[in-house]
Amino acid sequence: MVTVGRRNWIAIAIIIGVLATFAGLALIARLALGPIFGRSDPPKDFPAPWPTQGGVAVRGEIPMPTGEMVAALPRATAGQVLCRALPAQRWPEILGGPVRTEVDLTGRCHVVTTTLDVTVDLNGATTPLVRSDPITISGRRGYLEHSTVGATLMLALTGNRPGTWVNPTLYVHLMKDFRDTEERDLGGMAKAIAEGVIAATTAPGLSLPEDTESLTGIPPRSVPPTPRFGIVDGAYPMVAWQLCTQLAHELGVDVEKTKPSMRGECQLRGDGFNASADYSETTGGKAEYPDRIAGRPAQFGKNYVQVKLVDDDDQAVRFYASFARATNDDRLRTLVEKVLPALLGR
C-alpha cells in the first residue's frame, strides 16, 4: 500500500491552491475585460435596431439601370439598386448565412451577417488601392486587395467620366468580425458580389452623355417613359430626357430645342412661355404636401408645383411655368396633370 508523507500532502495542497488561484483570476479577467476586448465566441445576433439609425429598408421593387446609367444614379437610389442587384437568396449564398440589408445614411448598400459587414457603393475615385492586384470582371478592369480579415474591390463601370453627377467606380468592401475564427475567401466573396451587380445593372443600353456646358447641359434626346416607373429611381440623364420629352410634347416644342441637364433638369421655351422641371431627392422629409394633383401629394407655390413621387421616399419633381398672356385657366396645373401620369410610368 502506497503512503503519502505529510510533506507531500502539503506540496500537493499548495499546487492545487495555485492552480485554483490562476483559474479564478482568468475567470475574473474574462468577465471584466470581455466587454472591452470582446469575447472569443462569435456573435449570434444581428445589429438592433434594424435598419440602423439613419438607414432605410430596401424597397420591394426598383428599376435596374442599363448601359452606363448606373454611374449617374442619385445617391439614395444607387444604394437601393445595389442592394437589389443581387436576388435576395444570392446574398446568403455568397456570404455563407442569413443576412440583413439596408441603405445606410450615406446612400450605400449595407449588408451584414452575424460575423461579416459588407458595403457596396458607387464612387468617383479611380486611384488604385495601395496593396492590390489588378482584376477583370465581366470586361471591366479594376483592383482587388484582400487579407484574412477584409477585402476591398474597386471596379471601373465606365470610361473616365469625372464630374459631380457621375460615379463611375464600383466599390465592394467586406470586413470580418475579429471574433470569427473561420477561414473565409473574402476576395472571392467580393468578386461574386461585383459580378452580380455588373450583370444586373449594365444590360445593353445608352452610354452616358457628354456634358456640353460644364455639368449643366447634355444633348437632347426623345426618351419614352420607363414602363411602370417613369422617372422614379431613374438615372439623372434618363430623368432629364423624360421630363423634356413629356413637356415638349404637351407644349408643342421640338424636343431638339429643349435643354436637359446632368442634374435631372429640363428647360424649354416656346411662344409666350418659359417652362422647366427639376428632379430632387434632397427634401429630407421636410417638405410639406398639403395638396394633391393627379393622385399624388403636391405643394403649390407661385409659378410652381412640387409633386412627391414616392410615398416612402423623398423623391420629388418641381414644375415651373410662366406665360406671357395671363389666363384664368390655371395652365400650370393643367400641364402637370397631363404629363405626370407618364412620368410615374402609368
Protein backbone atom coordinates (compact mmCIF):
# COMPACT_ATOMS: atom_id res chain seq x y z
CA MET A 1 0.00 0.00 0.00
CA VAL A 2 1.44 3.34 -1.09
CA THR A 3 1.50 6.04 1.56
CA VAL A 4 1.98 9.77 1.11
CA GLY A 5 4.04 11.69 3.60
CA ARG A 6 2.92 14.88 5.32
CA ARG A 7 5.31 16.99 3.27
CA ASN A 8 3.97 15.55 0.01
CA TRP A 9 0.42 16.38 1.05
CA ILE A 10 1.44 19.92 1.80
CA ALA A 11 3.11 20.25 -1.64
CA ILE A 12 0.04 18.87 -3.39
CA ALA A 13 -2.23 21.29 -1.50
CA ILE A 14 -0.04 24.23 -2.48
CA ILE A 15 -0.10 23.24 -6.17
CA ILE A 16 -3.89 22.84 -6.11
CA GLY A 17 -4.25 26.24 -4.44
CA VAL A 18 -2.05 27.95 -7.03
CA LEU A 19 -3.96 26.38 -9.92
CA ALA A 20 -7.28 27.42 -8.38
CA THR A 21 -6.00 30.97 -7.93
CA PHE A 22 -4.94 31.21 -11.61
CA ALA A 23 -8.28 29.79 -12.77
CA GLY A 24 -10.14 32.33 -10.66
CA LEU A 25 -8.04 35.19 -12.00
CA ALA A 26 -8.66 34.03 -15.57
CA LEU A 27 -12.41 33.95 -14.97
CA ILE A 28 -12.36 37.42 -13.40
CA ALA A 29 -10.30 38.80 -16.29
CA ARG A 30 -12.67 37.35 -18.85
CA LEU A 31 -15.70 38.82 -17.09
CA ALA A 32 -14.07 42.21 -16.59
CA LEU A 33 -12.29 42.64 -19.92
CA GLY A 34 -14.75 40.83 -22.16
CA PRO A 35 -16.85 43.96 -22.83
CA ILE A 36 -13.65 45.85 -23.71
CA PHE A 37 -11.77 43.38 -25.88
CA GLY A 38 -14.66 41.18 -26.98
CA ARG A 39 -15.36 37.57 -26.26
CA SER A 40 -13.84 34.67 -28.13
CA ASP A 41 -17.21 33.35 -29.27
CA PRO A 42 -18.65 34.85 -32.50
CA PRO A 43 -21.79 36.99 -32.00
CA LYS A 44 -25.05 35.20 -32.66
CA ASP A 45 -27.35 38.17 -33.18
CA PHE A 46 -27.86 40.83 -35.85
CA PRO A 47 -27.50 44.54 -35.05
CA ALA A 48 -30.59 46.01 -33.42
CA PRO A 49 -32.50 48.03 -34.26
CA TRP A 50 -32.53 47.33 -37.98
CA PRO A 51 -32.40 49.31 -40.22
CA THR A 52 -29.73 51.16 -38.27
CA GLN A 53 -30.10 54.79 -37.26
CA GLY A 54 -30.36 56.86 -40.43
CA GLY A 55 -30.69 53.76 -42.62
CA VAL A 56 -33.74 52.82 -44.66
CA ALA A 57 -35.19 49.49 -45.69
CA VAL A 58 -34.62 48.13 -49.18
CA ARG A 59 -37.75 48.64 -51.26
CA GLY A 60 -39.53 45.68 -52.78
CA GLU A 61 -39.18 46.71 -56.41
CA ILE A 62 -36.92 49.10 -58.28
CA PRO A 63 -35.92 49.53 -61.95
CA MET A 64 -32.46 48.35 -62.91
CA PRO A 65 -30.37 50.79 -65.00
CA THR A 66 -28.95 49.78 -68.36
CA GLY A 67 -25.90 50.77 -70.37
CA GLU A 68 -23.72 53.17 -68.39
CA MET A 69 -26.58 54.79 -66.48
CA VAL A 70 -25.69 53.06 -63.21
CA ALA A 71 -22.84 55.58 -62.86
CA ALA A 72 -25.29 58.52 -62.83
CA LEU A 73 -27.84 57.36 -60.26
CA PRO A 74 -28.92 59.68 -57.44
CA ARG A 75 -27.20 58.74 -54.21
CA ALA A 76 -30.04 57.06 -52.30
CA THR A 77 -31.34 55.39 -55.46
CA ALA A 78 -27.88 53.92 -56.07
CA GLY A 79 -27.98 52.21 -52.68
CA GLN A 80 -31.39 50.72 -53.44
CA VAL A 81 -30.21 49.49 -56.85
CA LEU A 82 -27.01 47.95 -55.49
CA CYS A 83 -28.88 46.09 -52.74
CA ARG A 84 -31.49 44.83 -55.21
CA ALA A 85 -28.98 43.93 -57.94
CA LEU A 86 -28.46 40.50 -56.38
CA PRO A 87 -31.53 38.32 -55.82
CA ALA A 88 -32.45 38.05 -52.15
CA GLN A 89 -31.34 34.41 -51.96
CA ARG A 90 -27.97 35.18 -53.57
CA TRP A 91 -26.67 37.31 -50.69
CA PRO A 92 -26.74 34.44 -48.11
CA GLU A 93 -25.29 32.08 -50.71
CA ILE A 94 -22.27 34.34 -51.18
CA LEU A 95 -21.82 35.36 -47.55
CA GLY A 96 -22.48 31.96 -46.00
CA GLY A 97 -25.51 32.65 -43.84
CA PRO A 98 -28.63 34.74 -43.20
CA VAL A 99 -28.30 38.44 -43.98
CA ARG A 100 -29.86 41.82 -43.25
CA THR A 101 -29.78 44.60 -45.85
CA GLU A 102 -30.36 48.36 -45.73
CA VAL A 103 -29.41 51.57 -47.50
CA ASP A 104 -27.34 53.43 -44.93
CA LEU A 105 -27.19 57.11 -44.06
CA THR A 106 -24.66 57.86 -46.82
CA GLY A 107 -26.62 56.04 -49.53
CA ARG A 108 -24.52 52.87 -49.61
CA CYS A 109 -25.91 49.35 -49.73
CA HIS A 110 -25.12 47.84 -46.33
CA VAL A 111 -25.35 44.08 -45.77
CA VAL A 112 -24.49 42.17 -42.59
CA THR A 113 -24.37 38.62 -41.34
CA THR A 114 -23.66 37.82 -37.69
CA THR A 115 -19.91 37.98 -38.44
CA LEU A 116 -19.50 39.94 -41.69
CA ASP A 117 -20.05 43.60 -42.55
CA VAL A 118 -20.37 44.48 -46.26
CA THR A 119 -20.81 47.80 -48.06
CA VAL A 120 -21.38 48.27 -51.78
CA ASP A 121 -21.06 51.78 -53.14
CA LEU A 122 -20.59 53.94 -56.23
CA ASN A 123 -17.75 56.43 -56.13
CA GLY A 124 -15.98 58.86 -58.45
CA ALA A 125 -12.43 57.99 -57.32
CA THR A 126 -10.24 55.92 -59.63
CA THR A 127 -6.94 55.73 -57.66
CA PRO A 128 -5.66 52.13 -57.38
CA LEU A 129 -5.65 50.52 -53.96
CA VAL A 130 -2.31 50.52 -52.10
CA ARG A 131 -1.61 46.78 -51.94
CA SER A 132 -3.87 45.45 -54.64
CA ASP A 133 -3.82 43.13 -57.61
CA PRO A 134 -5.35 44.03 -61.00
CA ILE A 135 -8.53 42.12 -61.89
CA THR A 136 -11.01 41.99 -64.75
CA ILE A 137 -14.68 41.18 -64.11
CA SER A 138 -17.20 40.99 -66.95
CA GLY A 139 -14.85 43.01 -69.12
CA ARG A 140 -14.39 45.77 -66.52
CA ARG A 141 -10.94 46.41 -65.11
CA GLY A 142 -10.20 47.10 -61.50
CA TYR A 143 -8.22 46.18 -58.41
CA LEU A 144 -8.68 43.79 -55.50
CA GLU A 145 -6.99 43.95 -52.12
CA HIS A 146 -7.73 41.22 -49.58
CA SER A 147 -6.46 39.55 -46.42
CA THR A 148 -7.75 37.12 -43.82
CA VAL A 149 -9.86 39.85 -42.19
CA GLY A 150 -11.10 42.02 -45.05
CA ALA A 151 -11.33 42.68 -48.78
CA THR A 152 -11.81 45.77 -50.93
CA LEU A 153 -12.65 45.66 -54.63
CA MET A 154 -12.65 48.66 -56.98
CA LEU A 155 -14.06 48.24 -60.49
CA ALA A 156 -14.47 50.75 -63.32
CA LEU A 157 -18.06 50.83 -64.61
CA THR A 158 -17.41 53.31 -67.43
CA GLY A 159 -14.56 55.18 -69.02
CA ASN A 160 -13.06 58.15 -67.21
CA ARG A 161 -16.11 60.36 -66.60
CA PRO A 162 -15.23 62.81 -63.82
CA GLY A 163 -17.89 65.15 -62.50
CA THR A 164 -20.17 65.86 -59.57
CA TRP A 165 -23.04 63.85 -61.00
CA VAL A 166 -21.07 60.82 -62.20
CA ASN A 167 -19.71 57.99 -60.02
CA PRO A 168 -18.02 55.58 -62.42
CA THR A 169 -16.42 53.23 -59.89
CA LEU A 170 -18.00 50.31 -58.04
CA TYR A 171 -16.62 49.63 -54.55
CA VAL A 172 -17.21 46.43 -52.60
CA HIS A 173 -15.80 46.25 -49.07
CA LEU A 174 -16.02 43.28 -46.68
CA MET A 175 -14.82 43.13 -43.08
CA LYS A 176 -14.86 40.04 -40.89
CA ASP A 177 -15.61 40.28 -37.17
CA PHE A 178 -12.34 39.67 -35.29
CA ARG A 179 -14.07 37.10 -33.08
CA ASP A 180 -14.80 34.92 -36.11
CA THR A 181 -12.01 32.36 -36.50
CA GLU A 182 -13.49 30.62 -39.56
CA GLU A 183 -11.39 30.80 -42.74
CA ARG A 184 -13.26 32.71 -45.44
CA ASP A 185 -12.47 33.60 -49.04
CA LEU A 186 -13.29 37.29 -48.66
CA GLY A 187 -11.73 38.15 -52.00
CA GLY A 188 -13.91 35.55 -53.71
CA MET A 189 -16.99 36.99 -51.99
CA ALA A 190 -16.15 40.49 -53.25
CA LYS A 191 -15.75 39.20 -56.80
CA ALA A 192 -19.08 37.33 -56.65
CA ILE A 193 -20.89 40.46 -55.45
CA ALA A 194 -19.31 42.57 -58.19
CA GLU A 195 -20.24 40.00 -60.84
CA GLY A 196 -23.88 40.07 -59.71
CA VAL A 197 -24.03 43.87 -59.68
CA ILE A 198 -22.49 44.16 -63.15
CA ALA A 199 -24.84 41.57 -64.62
CA ALA A 200 -27.94 43.28 -63.19
CA THR A 201 -27.11 46.94 -63.83
CA THR A 202 -25.24 47.09 -67.15
CA ALA A 203 -27.55 45.33 -69.62
CA PRO A 204 -27.29 46.79 -73.15
CA GLY A 205 -28.39 50.41 -73.17
CA LEU A 206 -27.34 54.03 -73.63
CA SER A 207 -23.92 55.40 -72.84
CA LEU A 208 -23.53 58.35 -70.52
CA PRO A 209 -23.96 61.60 -72.45
CA GLU A 210 -21.17 64.12 -72.80
CA ASP A 211 -21.70 67.30 -70.82
CA THR A 212 -21.76 70.32 -73.10
CA GLU A 213 -21.93 73.10 -70.51
CA SER A 214 -19.78 72.06 -67.54
CA LEU A 215 -22.29 69.70 -65.95
CA THR A 216 -25.29 71.90 -66.80
CA GLY A 217 -26.24 70.64 -70.22
CA ILE A 218 -26.41 67.36 -72.14
CA PRO A 219 -27.54 66.73 -75.72
CA PRO A 220 -31.36 66.49 -76.01
CA ARG A 221 -32.96 63.15 -76.79
CA SER A 222 -36.52 61.87 -77.08
CA VAL A 223 -36.94 59.14 -74.45
CA PRO A 224 -40.24 57.39 -73.66
CA PRO A 225 -41.30 56.78 -70.03
CA THR A 226 -39.69 53.86 -68.26
CA PRO A 227 -42.51 51.27 -68.08
CA ARG A 228 -44.15 51.07 -64.63
CA PHE A 229 -41.66 53.54 -63.11
CA GLY A 230 -41.32 56.63 -65.27
CA ILE A 231 -38.69 58.91 -63.72
CA VAL A 232 -38.88 57.28 -60.27
CA ASP A 233 -35.50 55.83 -59.27
CA GLY A 234 -34.03 56.78 -62.64
CA ALA A 235 -30.52 57.93 -63.54
CA TYR A 236 -30.14 61.69 -63.84
CA PRO A 237 -29.83 61.77 -67.68
CA MET A 238 -32.85 59.48 -68.12
CA VAL A 239 -34.89 61.68 -65.80
CA ALA A 240 -33.93 64.83 -67.69
CA TRP A 241 -34.70 63.31 -71.08
CA GLN A 242 -38.10 62.02 -69.95
CA LEU A 243 -39.01 65.39 -68.44
CA CYS A 244 -38.07 67.18 -71.66
CA THR A 245 -39.88 64.66 -73.85
CA GLN A 246 -43.18 64.97 -71.97
CA LEU A 247 -43.06 68.75 -71.55
CA ALA A 248 -42.13 69.30 -75.20
CA HIS A 249 -44.98 67.08 -76.35
CA GLU A 250 -47.61 68.88 -74.27
CA LEU A 251 -46.32 72.40 -75.03
CA GLY A 252 -45.75 71.83 -78.74
CA VAL A 253 -41.98 72.31 -78.69
CA ASP A 254 -39.45 70.29 -80.72
CA VAL A 255 -37.51 68.04 -78.31
CA GLU A 256 -34.30 69.11 -80.02
CA LYS A 257 -34.90 72.63 -78.70
CA THR A 258 -35.12 71.55 -75.07
CA LYS A 259 -32.23 71.82 -72.61
CA PRO A 260 -31.80 68.74 -70.41
CA SER A 261 -29.05 68.68 -67.80
CA MET A 262 -26.97 66.10 -65.97
CA ARG A 263 -28.75 67.15 -62.76
CA GLY A 264 -32.11 65.72 -63.83
CA GLU A 265 -33.47 69.05 -65.07
CA CYS A 266 -35.17 70.25 -68.22
CA GLN A 267 -35.70 73.78 -69.55
CA LEU A 268 -37.63 74.88 -72.62
CA ARG A 269 -39.10 77.97 -74.18
CA GLY A 270 -41.97 78.41 -76.58
CA ASP A 271 -44.21 81.08 -78.00
CA GLY A 272 -45.13 83.15 -74.97
CA PHE A 273 -43.95 80.85 -72.17
CA ASN A 274 -40.98 79.52 -70.23
CA ALA A 275 -41.16 76.14 -68.51
CA SER A 276 -38.85 73.84 -66.58
CA ALA A 277 -38.86 70.79 -64.34
CA ASP A 278 -36.34 69.79 -61.68
CA TYR A 279 -35.97 66.34 -60.12
CA SER A 280 -34.85 66.15 -56.49
CA GLU A 281 -34.31 63.59 -53.74
CA THR A 282 -32.96 66.07 -51.19
CA THR A 283 -36.08 67.32 -49.39
CA GLY A 284 -35.06 65.22 -46.37
CA GLY A 285 -38.68 64.68 -45.38
CA LYS A 286 -39.06 68.38 -44.54
CA ALA A 287 -41.25 69.40 -47.47
CA GLU A 288 -44.97 69.61 -46.81
CA TYR A 289 -47.53 68.43 -49.35
CA PRO A 290 -50.94 69.76 -48.31
CA ASP A 291 -52.47 69.44 -51.80
CA ARG A 292 -52.89 66.71 -54.38
CA ILE A 293 -52.57 66.55 -58.15
CA ALA A 294 -53.05 63.56 -60.44
CA GLY A 295 -53.39 61.38 -57.34
CA ARG A 296 -50.07 62.46 -55.78
CA PRO A 297 -49.26 64.72 -52.80
CA ALA A 298 -48.35 68.21 -54.02
CA GLN A 299 -47.26 71.63 -52.90
CA PHE A 300 -48.43 74.69 -54.87
CA GLY A 301 -46.49 77.94 -54.93
CA LYS A 302 -46.15 81.00 -57.10
CA ASN A 303 -45.48 79.70 -60.63
CA TYR A 304 -44.54 76.22 -59.42
CA VAL A 305 -45.97 72.85 -58.38
CA GLN A 306 -43.87 70.34 -56.44
CA VAL A 307 -45.01 66.72 -56.51
CA LYS A 308 -43.93 63.90 -54.19
CA LEU A 309 -43.22 60.90 -56.39
CA VAL A 310 -42.91 58.04 -53.87
CA ASP A 311 -44.80 57.57 -50.59
CA ASP A 312 -41.88 56.18 -48.55
CA ASP A 313 -39.10 58.22 -50.15
CA ASP A 314 -38.16 61.89 -50.65
CA GLN A 315 -38.05 61.89 -54.44
CA ALA A 316 -39.91 64.84 -55.90
CA VAL A 317 -40.21 66.87 -59.09
CA ARG A 318 -40.90 70.60 -59.25
CA PHE A 319 -42.53 72.16 -62.31
CA TYR A 320 -42.19 75.85 -63.13
CA ALA A 321 -44.02 77.81 -65.83
CA SER A 322 -44.69 81.43 -66.70
CA PHE A 323 -46.93 82.59 -69.54
CA ALA A 324 -46.82 85.93 -71.32
CA ARG A 325 -50.58 86.15 -71.57
CA ALA A 326 -52.22 85.75 -68.20
CA THR A 327 -55.22 83.46 -68.16
CA ASN A 328 -57.61 82.12 -65.56
CA ASP A 329 -57.48 78.51 -66.63
CA ASP A 330 -54.53 77.51 -64.37
CA ARG A 331 -52.33 76.38 -67.24
CA LEU A 332 -49.54 75.07 -65.00
CA ARG A 333 -51.90 72.75 -63.10
CA THR A 334 -53.32 71.52 -66.39
CA LEU A 335 -49.82 70.92 -67.77
CA VAL A 336 -48.74 68.92 -64.71
CA GLU A 337 -51.92 66.83 -64.73
CA LYS A 338 -51.19 65.86 -68.34
CA VAL A 339 -47.51 64.98 -68.03
CA LEU A 340 -47.41 63.43 -64.55
CA PRO A 341 -49.01 60.03 -65.34
CA ALA A 342 -46.33 59.25 -67.93
CA LEU A 343 -43.57 60.42 -65.56
CA LEU A 344 -44.92 57.95 -62.98
CA GLY A 345 -44.91 55.12 -65.51
CA ARG A 346 -48.69 54.81 -65.62
